Amino acid sequence: MNWQTIVVLAVVAIIFAAIIIKGIKNKKEGKSSCSCGCSGCANKDYCHSGK
């Protein structure tokens, strides 16, 4: 592998890790992954079962 490939792979891995960490943080804070508000969502019971 050349250095350009390694740099691109590292950037993609960092972005992927940031997305996963943000999702875990939002889940712990009780936030939903959707931005619609979930009032009309068919799966709102699955997202907010603890409430």
C-alpha atoms as a PDB file:
ATOM      1  CA  MET A   1       0.000   0.000   0.000  1.00  0.00           C
ATOM      2  CA  ASN A   2       1.173   3.485  -0.714  1.00  0.00           C
ATOM      3  CA  TRP A   3       0.868   6.354   1.744  1.00  0.00           C
ATOM      4  CA  GLN A   4      -2.102   7.965  -0.044  1.00  0.00           C
ATOM      5  CA  THR A   5      -4.188   4.843   0.423  1.00  0.00           C
ATOM      6  CA  ILE A   6      -3.288   4.688   4.101  1.00  0.00           C
ATOM      7  CA  VAL A   7      -4.257   8.341   4.612  1.00  0.00           C
ATOM      8  CA  VAL A   8      -7.626   7.871   2.896  1.00  0.00           C
ATOM      9  CA  LEU A   9      -8.295   4.714   4.892  1.00  0.00           C
ATOM     10  CA  ALA A  10      -7.421   6.523   8.139  1.00  0.00           C
ATOM     11  CA  VAL A  11      -9.753   9.421   7.324  1.00  0.00           C
ATOM     12  CA  VAL A  12     -12.620   7.049   6.515  1.00  0.00           C
ATOM     13  CA  ALA A  13     -11.985   5.111   9.746  1.00  0.00           C
ATOM     14  CA  ILE A  14     -12.002   8.341  11.798  1.00  0.00           C
ATOM     15  CA  ILE A  15     -15.271   9.486  10.226  1.00  0.00           C
ATOM     16  CA  PHE A  16     -16.854   6.072  10.826  1.00  0.00           C
ATOM     17  CA  ALA A  17     -15.712   6.063  14.465  1.00  0.00           C
ATOM     18  CA  ALA A  18     -17.069   9.592  14.987  1.00  0.00           C
ATOM     19  CA  ILE A  19     -20.480   8.558  13.645  1.00  0.00           C
ATOM     20  CA  ILE A  20     -20.590   5.525  15.939  1.00  0.00           C
ATOM     21  CA  ILE A  21     -19.504   7.560  18.988  1.00  0.00           C
ATOM     22  CA  LYS A  22     -22.097  10.248  18.242  1.00  0.00           C
ATOM     23  CA  GLY A  23     -24.814   7.587  17.946  1.00  0.00           C
ATOM     24  CA  ILE A  24     -23.849   6.014  21.264  1.00  0.00           C
ATOM     25  CA  LYS A  25     -23.780   9.429  22.949  1.00  0.00           C
ATOM     26  CA  ASN A  26     -27.214  10.309  21.556  1.00  0.00           C
ATOM     27  CA  LYS A  27     -28.618   6.949  22.660  1.00  0.00           C
ATOM     28  CA  LYS A  28     -27.345   7.484  26.230  1.00  0.00           C
ATOM     29  CA  GLU A  29     -28.895  10.969  26.273  1.00  0.00           C
ATOM     30  CA  GLY A  30     -32.233   9.564  25.096  1.00  0.00           C
ATOM     31  CA  LYS A  31     -32.154  11.352  21.772  1.00  0.00           C
ATOM     32  CA  SER A  32     -33.581   9.758  18.668  1.00  0.00           C
ATOM     33  CA  SER A  33     -31.631   9.129  15.499  1.00  0.00           C
ATOM     34  CA  CYS A  34     -34.385  10.619  13.385  1.00  0.00           C
ATOM     35  CA  SER A  35     -35.086  14.314  13.018  1.00  0.00           C
ATOM     36  CA  CYS A  36     -38.823  14.065  12.386  1.00  0.00           C
ATOM     37  CA  GLY A  37     -39.847  14.210  16.040  1.00  0.00           C
ATOM     38  CA  CYS A  38     -41.246  10.654  15.990  1.00  0.00           C
ATOM     39  CA  SER A  39     -44.818  11.678  16.743  1.00  0.00           C
ATOM     40  CA  GLY A  40     -46.114  10.055  13.564  1.00  0.00           C
ATOM     41  CA  CYS A  41     -43.502   7.335  13.278  1.00  0.00           C
ATOM     42  CA  ALA A  42     -44.681   3.724  13.213  1.00  0.00           C
ATOM     43  CA  ASN A  43     -41.606   2.611  15.169  1.00  0.00           C
ATOM     44  CA  LYS A  44     -41.688   5.239  17.919  1.00  0.00           C
ATOM     45  CA  ASP A  45     -42.377   2.551  20.549  1.00  0.00           C
ATOM     46  CA  TYR A  46     -39.095   0.854  19.654  1.00  0.00           C
ATOM     47  CA  CYS A  47     -37.060   4.077  19.784  1.00  0.00           C
ATOM     48  CA  HIS A  48     -38.575   5.402  22.999  1.00  0.00           C
ATOM     49  CA  SER A  49     -39.568   2.264  24.878  1.00  0.00           C
ATOM     50  CA  GLY A  50     -38.082   3.507  28.164  1.00  0.00           C
ATOM     51  CA  LYS A  51     -40.346   6.545  28.376  1.00  0.00           C
END
